[in-house]
Amino acid sequence: MAEKTVPATREETAPREATRAQEQHIAPPVDIFEDKEGLVVVADMPGVESADLDVHVENDVLTLEAKTKHELPGEPYYREFQLVNFFRQFQLSDEVDVDHISAELKNGVLTLHLPKSEAAKPKRIQVRTQ
């Protein structure tokens, strides 16, 4: 699975004077590992709720897109960091069964299970003796 390169900010179709309010996206840090069923992707997305998360596959490209909640009790006087939205894409191989991908989000950590397709799973061939 290879990462797909995308720009850090997305161009809006708004007039030029509105470009200062462009939405910024960062790539969430991920860990990818393989288990006996396929690949597991773990992405850190703090401040994201499942209603604000979009995970989809189109043309063998897995897209993770999420909007963070900016809920503060008032206007900040001083801010050292700001939650920004997340966006990252990965090119999938034919070995991934895209119809059976599952996802779960818990405490800002997204876990995706990308199972291998039946054709990609190793098969044991029984040898008969005569």
N, C-alpha and C. Protein backbone atom coordinates (compact mmCIF):
# COMPACT_ATOMS: atom_id res chain seq x y z
N MET A 1 0.86 -1.16 0.00
CA MET A 1 0.00 0.00 0.00
C MET A 1 0.90 1.22 0.00
N ALA A 2 0.77 2.04 -1.00
CA ALA A 2 1.60 3.24 -1.13
C ALA A 2 0.77 4.48 -0.84
N GLU A 3 1.41 5.46 -0.25
CA GLU A 3 0.71 6.71 0.01
C GLU A 3 0.51 7.47 -1.28
N LYS A 4 -0.64 8.09 -1.41
CA LYS A 4 -0.97 8.90 -2.58
C LYS A 4 -0.64 10.34 -2.22
N THR A 5 0.05 11.05 -3.07
CA THR A 5 0.45 12.42 -2.79
C THR A 5 -0.67 13.39 -3.12
N VAL A 6 -1.02 14.23 -2.14
CA VAL A 6 -2.04 15.26 -2.33
C VAL A 6 -1.52 16.56 -1.74
N PRO A 7 -2.01 17.70 -2.20
CA PRO A 7 -1.56 18.97 -1.62
C PRO A 7 -2.00 19.11 -0.17
N ALA A 8 -1.24 19.88 0.60
CA ALA A 8 -1.54 20.07 2.02
C ALA A 8 -2.82 20.86 2.23
N THR A 9 -3.15 21.77 1.33
CA THR A 9 -4.40 22.51 1.42
C THR A 9 -5.19 22.27 0.16
N ARG A 10 -6.50 22.31 0.26
CA ARG A 10 -7.35 22.08 -0.89
C ARG A 10 -7.80 23.42 -1.43
N GLU A 11 -7.77 23.56 -2.72
CA GLU A 11 -8.21 24.79 -3.36
C GLU A 11 -9.73 24.89 -3.29
N GLU A 12 -10.21 26.01 -2.89
CA GLU A 12 -11.65 26.27 -2.82
C GLU A 12 -12.07 26.98 -4.09
N THR A 13 -13.34 26.89 -4.43
CA THR A 13 -13.85 27.55 -5.62
C THR A 13 -14.34 28.95 -5.30
N ALA A 14 -14.03 29.45 -4.12
CA ALA A 14 -14.48 30.78 -3.69
C ALA A 14 -13.66 31.85 -4.42
N PRO A 15 -14.16 33.08 -4.44
CA PRO A 15 -13.41 34.18 -5.06
C PRO A 15 -12.06 34.38 -4.39
N ARG A 16 -11.15 35.04 -5.09
CA ARG A 16 -9.79 35.21 -4.61
C ARG A 16 -9.70 35.88 -3.24
N GLU A 17 -10.57 36.84 -2.93
CA GLU A 17 -10.47 37.52 -1.64
C GLU A 17 -10.80 36.61 -0.46
N ALA A 18 -11.42 35.47 -0.71
CA ALA A 18 -11.77 34.55 0.36
C ALA A 18 -10.70 33.48 0.58
N THR A 19 -9.56 33.59 -0.10
CA THR A 19 -8.56 32.54 0.01
C THR A 19 -7.88 32.51 1.37
N ARG A 20 -7.96 33.54 2.13
CA ARG A 20 -7.34 33.52 3.46
C ARG A 20 -8.04 32.53 4.39
N ALA A 21 -9.27 32.20 4.09
CA ALA A 21 -10.02 31.28 4.92
C ALA A 21 -9.96 29.86 4.38
N GLN A 22 -8.90 29.52 3.62
CA GLN A 22 -8.78 28.18 3.09
C GLN A 22 -8.72 27.17 4.22
N GLU A 23 -9.35 26.04 3.97
CA GLU A 23 -9.31 24.96 4.93
C GLU A 23 -7.95 24.29 4.85
N GLN A 24 -7.32 24.08 5.98
CA GLN A 24 -6.04 23.41 5.99
C GLN A 24 -6.22 21.98 6.44
N HIS A 25 -5.43 21.11 5.86
CA HIS A 25 -5.46 19.70 6.21
C HIS A 25 -4.04 19.25 6.53
N ILE A 26 -3.94 18.33 7.47
CA ILE A 26 -2.65 17.69 7.73
C ILE A 26 -2.85 16.19 7.55
N ALA A 27 -1.77 15.51 7.27
CA ALA A 27 -1.82 14.05 7.14
C ALA A 27 -1.73 13.45 8.54
N PRO A 28 -2.73 12.65 8.91
CA PRO A 28 -2.66 12.03 10.25
C PRO A 28 -1.53 10.99 10.28
N PRO A 29 -0.83 10.90 11.39
CA PRO A 29 0.20 9.86 11.49
C PRO A 29 -0.47 8.48 11.53
N VAL A 30 0.09 7.53 10.79
CA VAL A 30 -0.49 6.19 10.73
C VAL A 30 0.57 5.13 11.00
N ASP A 31 0.11 4.01 11.49
CA ASP A 31 0.90 2.78 11.59
C ASP A 31 0.18 1.76 10.72
N ILE A 32 0.92 1.06 9.88
CA ILE A 32 0.35 0.04 9.01
C ILE A 32 1.10 -1.25 9.29
N PHE A 33 0.35 -2.30 9.60
CA PHE A 33 0.98 -3.59 9.80
C PHE A 33 0.09 -4.69 9.22
N GLU A 34 0.69 -5.84 9.05
CA GLU A 34 -0.01 -6.97 8.44
C GLU A 34 -0.27 -8.02 9.50
N ASP A 35 -1.48 -8.56 9.50
CA ASP A 35 -1.80 -9.70 10.35
C ASP A 35 -2.22 -10.85 9.44
N LYS A 36 -2.72 -11.93 10.01
CA LYS A 36 -3.05 -13.10 9.19
C LYS A 36 -4.22 -12.85 8.25
N GLU A 37 -5.07 -11.87 8.55
CA GLU A 37 -6.25 -11.59 7.72
C GLU A 37 -5.99 -10.55 6.63
N GLY A 38 -5.00 -9.70 6.82
CA GLY A 38 -4.73 -8.65 5.85
C GLY A 38 -3.92 -7.52 6.47
N LEU A 39 -4.25 -6.29 6.10
CA LEU A 39 -3.56 -5.11 6.62
C LEU A 39 -4.40 -4.42 7.68
N VAL A 40 -3.73 -3.80 8.63
CA VAL A 40 -4.39 -3.00 9.65
C VAL A 40 -3.74 -1.61 9.61
N VAL A 41 -4.58 -0.58 9.50
CA VAL A 41 -4.12 0.80 9.49
C VAL A 41 -4.64 1.47 10.74
N VAL A 42 -3.74 2.05 11.53
CA VAL A 42 -4.11 2.77 12.74
C VAL A 42 -3.71 4.22 12.54
N ALA A 43 -4.71 5.13 12.56
CA ALA A 43 -4.46 6.55 12.31
C ALA A 43 -4.86 7.36 13.54
N ASP A 44 -3.98 8.26 13.96
CA ASP A 44 -4.27 9.16 15.08
C ASP A 44 -4.98 10.39 14.56
N MET A 45 -6.22 10.62 15.04
CA MET A 45 -7.01 11.76 14.61
C MET A 45 -7.67 12.40 15.83
N PRO A 46 -6.89 13.09 16.67
CA PRO A 46 -7.47 13.68 17.87
C PRO A 46 -8.50 14.76 17.53
N GLY A 47 -9.57 14.79 18.31
CA GLY A 47 -10.62 15.79 18.12
C GLY A 47 -11.64 15.41 17.08
N VAL A 48 -11.58 14.19 16.54
CA VAL A 48 -12.50 13.75 15.49
C VAL A 48 -13.56 12.84 16.08
N GLU A 49 -14.80 13.07 15.66
CA GLU A 49 -15.91 12.19 16.03
C GLU A 49 -16.35 11.44 14.78
N SER A 50 -17.01 10.31 14.96
CA SER A 50 -17.36 9.47 13.82
C SER A 50 -18.28 10.18 12.82
N ALA A 51 -19.10 11.11 13.28
CA ALA A 51 -19.99 11.84 12.37
C ALA A 51 -19.21 12.77 11.44
N ASP A 52 -18.01 13.15 11.83
CA ASP A 52 -17.18 14.07 11.05
C ASP A 52 -16.06 13.37 10.29
N LEU A 53 -16.17 12.05 10.18
CA LEU A 53 -15.13 11.24 9.54
C LEU A 53 -15.67 10.63 8.26
N ASP A 54 -14.89 10.72 7.19
CA ASP A 54 -15.26 10.12 5.91
C ASP A 54 -14.12 9.22 5.47
N VAL A 55 -14.42 7.93 5.39
CA VAL A 55 -13.46 6.94 4.92
C VAL A 55 -14.09 6.27 3.71
N HIS A 56 -13.43 6.35 2.55
CA HIS A 56 -13.99 5.72 1.37
C HIS A 56 -12.89 5.26 0.41
N VAL A 57 -13.28 4.33 -0.48
CA VAL A 57 -12.38 3.82 -1.50
C VAL A 57 -12.99 4.12 -2.86
N GLU A 58 -12.19 4.75 -3.71
CA GLU A 58 -12.63 5.05 -5.07
C GLU A 58 -11.43 4.87 -6.00
N ASN A 59 -11.60 4.07 -7.05
CA ASN A 59 -10.52 3.77 -8.00
C ASN A 59 -9.28 3.24 -7.29
N ASP A 60 -9.48 2.33 -6.35
CA ASP A 60 -8.40 1.71 -5.56
C ASP A 60 -7.58 2.71 -4.76
N VAL A 61 -8.18 3.83 -4.39
CA VAL A 61 -7.53 4.82 -3.53
C VAL A 61 -8.34 4.94 -2.24
N LEU A 62 -7.70 4.63 -1.12
CA LEU A 62 -8.33 4.75 0.19
C LEU A 62 -8.14 6.18 0.67
N THR A 63 -9.25 6.85 1.00
CA THR A 63 -9.20 8.25 1.44
C THR A 63 -9.69 8.35 2.88
N LEU A 64 -8.90 9.01 3.71
CA LEU A 64 -9.27 9.34 5.09
C LEU A 64 -9.42 10.85 5.16
N GLU A 65 -10.61 11.31 5.53
CA GLU A 65 -10.86 12.75 5.62
C GLU A 65 -11.70 13.00 6.87
N ALA A 66 -11.28 13.95 7.68
CA ALA A 66 -11.99 14.22 8.93
C ALA A 66 -11.92 15.69 9.29
N LYS A 67 -12.99 16.16 9.90
CA LYS A 67 -13.05 17.52 10.42
C LYS A 67 -13.01 17.45 11.94
N THR A 68 -12.19 18.30 12.53
CA THR A 68 -12.07 18.32 13.98
C THR A 68 -13.08 19.28 14.58
N LYS A 69 -13.41 19.04 15.81
CA LYS A 69 -14.32 19.93 16.54
C LYS A 69 -13.50 21.01 17.24
N HIS A 70 -13.90 22.24 17.07
CA HIS A 70 -13.23 23.38 17.70
C HIS A 70 -14.17 23.96 18.75
N GLU A 71 -14.42 23.20 19.77
CA GLU A 71 -15.36 23.64 20.80
C GLU A 71 -14.60 24.24 21.97
N LEU A 72 -14.62 25.54 22.05
CA LEU A 72 -14.00 26.25 23.15
C LEU A 72 -15.08 27.06 23.86
N PRO A 73 -14.94 27.26 25.16
CA PRO A 73 -15.98 27.99 25.88
C PRO A 73 -16.06 29.47 25.52
N GLY A 74 -15.05 30.02 24.91
CA GLY A 74 -15.05 31.44 24.53
C GLY A 74 -13.99 31.69 23.48
N GLU A 75 -13.74 32.95 23.19
CA GLU A 75 -12.70 33.32 22.24
C GLU A 75 -11.34 33.18 22.91
N PRO A 76 -10.39 32.50 22.28
CA PRO A 76 -9.08 32.34 22.91
C PRO A 76 -8.31 33.66 22.94
N TYR A 77 -7.66 33.92 24.05
CA TYR A 77 -6.81 35.10 24.21
C TYR A 77 -5.43 34.80 23.64
N TYR A 78 -4.95 33.58 23.88
CA TYR A 78 -3.65 33.14 23.41
C TYR A 78 -3.76 31.67 23.03
N ARG A 79 -3.20 31.29 21.90
CA ARG A 79 -3.31 29.90 21.45
C ARG A 79 -1.96 29.44 20.91
N GLU A 80 -1.46 28.30 21.43
CA GLU A 80 -0.20 27.75 20.95
C GLU A 80 -0.40 26.68 19.89
N PHE A 81 -1.56 26.09 19.83
CA PHE A 81 -1.83 25.10 18.80
C PHE A 81 -3.29 25.19 18.42
N GLN A 82 -3.58 24.66 17.26
CA GLN A 82 -4.94 24.66 16.76
C GLN A 82 -5.21 23.33 16.10
N LEU A 83 -6.37 22.75 16.37
CA LEU A 83 -6.73 21.52 15.69
C LEU A 83 -7.07 21.84 14.24
N VAL A 84 -6.50 21.08 13.33
CA VAL A 84 -6.81 21.25 11.92
C VAL A 84 -7.42 19.96 11.40
N ASN A 85 -7.99 20.02 10.23
CA ASN A 85 -8.64 18.86 9.64
C ASN A 85 -7.60 17.89 9.10
N PHE A 86 -8.02 16.64 8.91
CA PHE A 86 -7.12 15.59 8.46
C PHE A 86 -7.50 15.14 7.06
N PHE A 87 -6.46 14.80 6.26
CA PHE A 87 -6.68 14.28 4.93
C PHE A 87 -5.47 13.45 4.53
N ARG A 88 -5.73 12.21 4.11
CA ARG A 88 -4.62 11.35 3.65
C ARG A 88 -5.19 10.29 2.71
N GLN A 89 -4.40 9.92 1.72
CA GLN A 89 -4.82 8.92 0.75
C GLN A 89 -3.75 7.86 0.58
N PHE A 90 -4.21 6.63 0.29
CA PHE A 90 -3.32 5.51 0.05
C PHE A 90 -3.78 4.76 -1.19
N GLN A 91 -2.84 4.37 -2.02
CA GLN A 91 -3.13 3.53 -3.19
C GLN A 91 -3.20 2.08 -2.72
N LEU A 92 -4.31 1.41 -3.00
CA LEU A 92 -4.49 0.02 -2.59
C LEU A 92 -4.11 -0.91 -3.73
N SER A 93 -3.63 -2.09 -3.37
CA SER A 93 -3.31 -3.10 -4.37
C SER A 93 -4.55 -3.95 -4.64
N ASP A 94 -4.45 -4.81 -5.62
CA ASP A 94 -5.56 -5.71 -5.94
C ASP A 94 -5.76 -6.77 -4.87
N GLU A 95 -4.80 -6.91 -3.98
CA GLU A 95 -4.88 -7.93 -2.94
C GLU A 95 -5.85 -7.55 -1.82
N VAL A 96 -6.31 -6.31 -1.77
CA VAL A 96 -7.22 -5.87 -0.71
C VAL A 96 -8.66 -6.07 -1.17
N ASP A 97 -9.46 -6.71 -0.32
CA ASP A 97 -10.88 -6.93 -0.59
C ASP A 97 -11.63 -5.68 -0.12
N VAL A 98 -11.85 -4.73 -1.03
CA VAL A 98 -12.44 -3.44 -0.66
C VAL A 98 -13.89 -3.56 -0.19
N ASP A 99 -14.57 -4.64 -0.55
CA ASP A 99 -15.96 -4.82 -0.13
C ASP A 99 -16.08 -5.20 1.34
N HIS A 100 -14.99 -5.61 1.97
CA HIS A 100 -15.05 -6.06 3.36
C HIS A 100 -14.16 -5.24 4.29
N ILE A 101 -13.81 -4.03 3.90
CA ILE A 101 -13.03 -3.15 4.78
C ILE A 101 -13.92 -2.71 5.93
N SER A 102 -13.38 -2.74 7.13
CA SER A 102 -14.13 -2.28 8.30
C SER A 102 -13.32 -1.22 9.03
N ALA A 103 -14.02 -0.36 9.77
CA ALA A 103 -13.36 0.75 10.48
C ALA A 103 -14.01 0.96 11.82
N GLU A 104 -13.20 1.39 12.78
CA GLU A 104 -13.72 1.76 14.09
C GLU A 104 -12.93 2.95 14.61
N LEU A 105 -13.61 3.83 15.31
CA LEU A 105 -12.99 5.04 15.87
C LEU A 105 -13.22 5.04 17.37
N LYS A 106 -12.13 5.14 18.12
CA LYS A 106 -12.23 5.15 19.57
C LYS A 106 -11.20 6.12 20.13
N ASN A 107 -11.67 7.12 20.85
CA ASN A 107 -10.79 8.11 21.50
C ASN A 107 -9.82 8.76 20.52
N GLY A 108 -10.30 9.09 19.31
CA GLY A 108 -9.48 9.77 18.33
C GLY A 108 -8.51 8.88 17.57
N VAL A 109 -8.65 7.56 17.73
CA VAL A 109 -7.79 6.63 17.02
C VAL A 109 -8.66 5.81 16.06
N LEU A 110 -8.38 5.94 14.77
CA LEU A 110 -9.12 5.21 13.74
C LEU A 110 -8.36 3.93 13.42
N THR A 111 -9.07 2.80 13.47
CA THR A 111 -8.48 1.51 13.12
C THR A 111 -9.23 0.94 11.93
N LEU A 112 -8.51 0.71 10.85
CA LEU A 112 -9.09 0.13 9.63
C LEU A 112 -8.55 -1.28 9.45
N HIS A 113 -9.44 -2.19 9.11
CA HIS A 113 -9.06 -3.56 8.79
C HIS A 113 -9.29 -3.77 7.30
N LEU A 114 -8.21 -4.02 6.57
CA LEU A 114 -8.26 -4.22 5.13
C LEU A 114 -7.95 -5.69 4.84
N PRO A 115 -8.98 -6.52 4.72
CA PRO A 115 -8.73 -7.96 4.54
C PRO A 115 -8.19 -8.27 3.14
N LYS A 116 -7.45 -9.36 3.07
CA LYS A 116 -6.94 -9.82 1.77
C LYS A 116 -8.09 -10.42 0.98
N SER A 117 -8.03 -10.28 -0.33
CA SER A 117 -9.03 -10.93 -1.17
C SER A 117 -8.74 -12.43 -1.18
N GLU A 118 -9.75 -13.21 -1.51
CA GLU A 118 -9.59 -14.66 -1.52
C GLU A 118 -8.50 -15.10 -2.49
N ALA A 119 -8.37 -14.41 -3.61
CA ALA A 119 -7.35 -14.77 -4.59
C ALA A 119 -5.94 -14.53 -4.06
N ALA A 120 -5.79 -13.57 -3.13
CA ALA A 120 -4.47 -13.23 -2.61
C ALA A 120 -4.07 -14.08 -1.41
N LYS A 121 -5.03 -14.76 -0.78
CA LYS A 121 -4.71 -15.58 0.39
C LYS A 121 -3.96 -16.83 -0.05
N PRO A 122 -3.00 -17.23 0.76
CA PRO A 122 -2.28 -18.46 0.42
C PRO A 122 -3.22 -19.67 0.50
N LYS A 123 -3.04 -20.60 -0.42
CA LYS A 123 -3.88 -21.79 -0.45
C LYS A 123 -2.99 -23.01 -0.31
N ARG A 124 -3.47 -23.92 0.46
CA ARG A 124 -2.75 -25.19 0.64
C ARG A 124 -3.28 -26.19 -0.39
N ILE A 125 -2.38 -26.80 -1.10
CA ILE A 125 -2.75 -27.77 -2.12
C ILE A 125 -2.48 -29.16 -1.56
N GLN A 126 -3.52 -29.94 -1.57
CA GLN A 126 -3.38 -31.29 -1.04
C GLN A 126 -2.78 -32.18 -2.13
N VAL A 127 -1.78 -32.94 -1.74
CA VAL A 127 -1.10 -33.85 -2.66
C VAL A 127 -1.60 -35.27 -2.38
N ARG A 128 -2.08 -35.92 -3.43
CA ARG A 128 -2.55 -37.31 -3.26
C ARG A 128 -1.46 -38.26 -3.76
N THR A 129 -1.40 -39.37 -3.15
CA THR A 129 -0.45 -40.40 -3.61
C THR A 129 -1.22 -41.52 -4.27
N GLN A 130 -0.59 -42.16 -5.21
CA GLN A 130 -1.24 -43.27 -5.92
C GLN A 130 -0.46 -44.54 -5.72
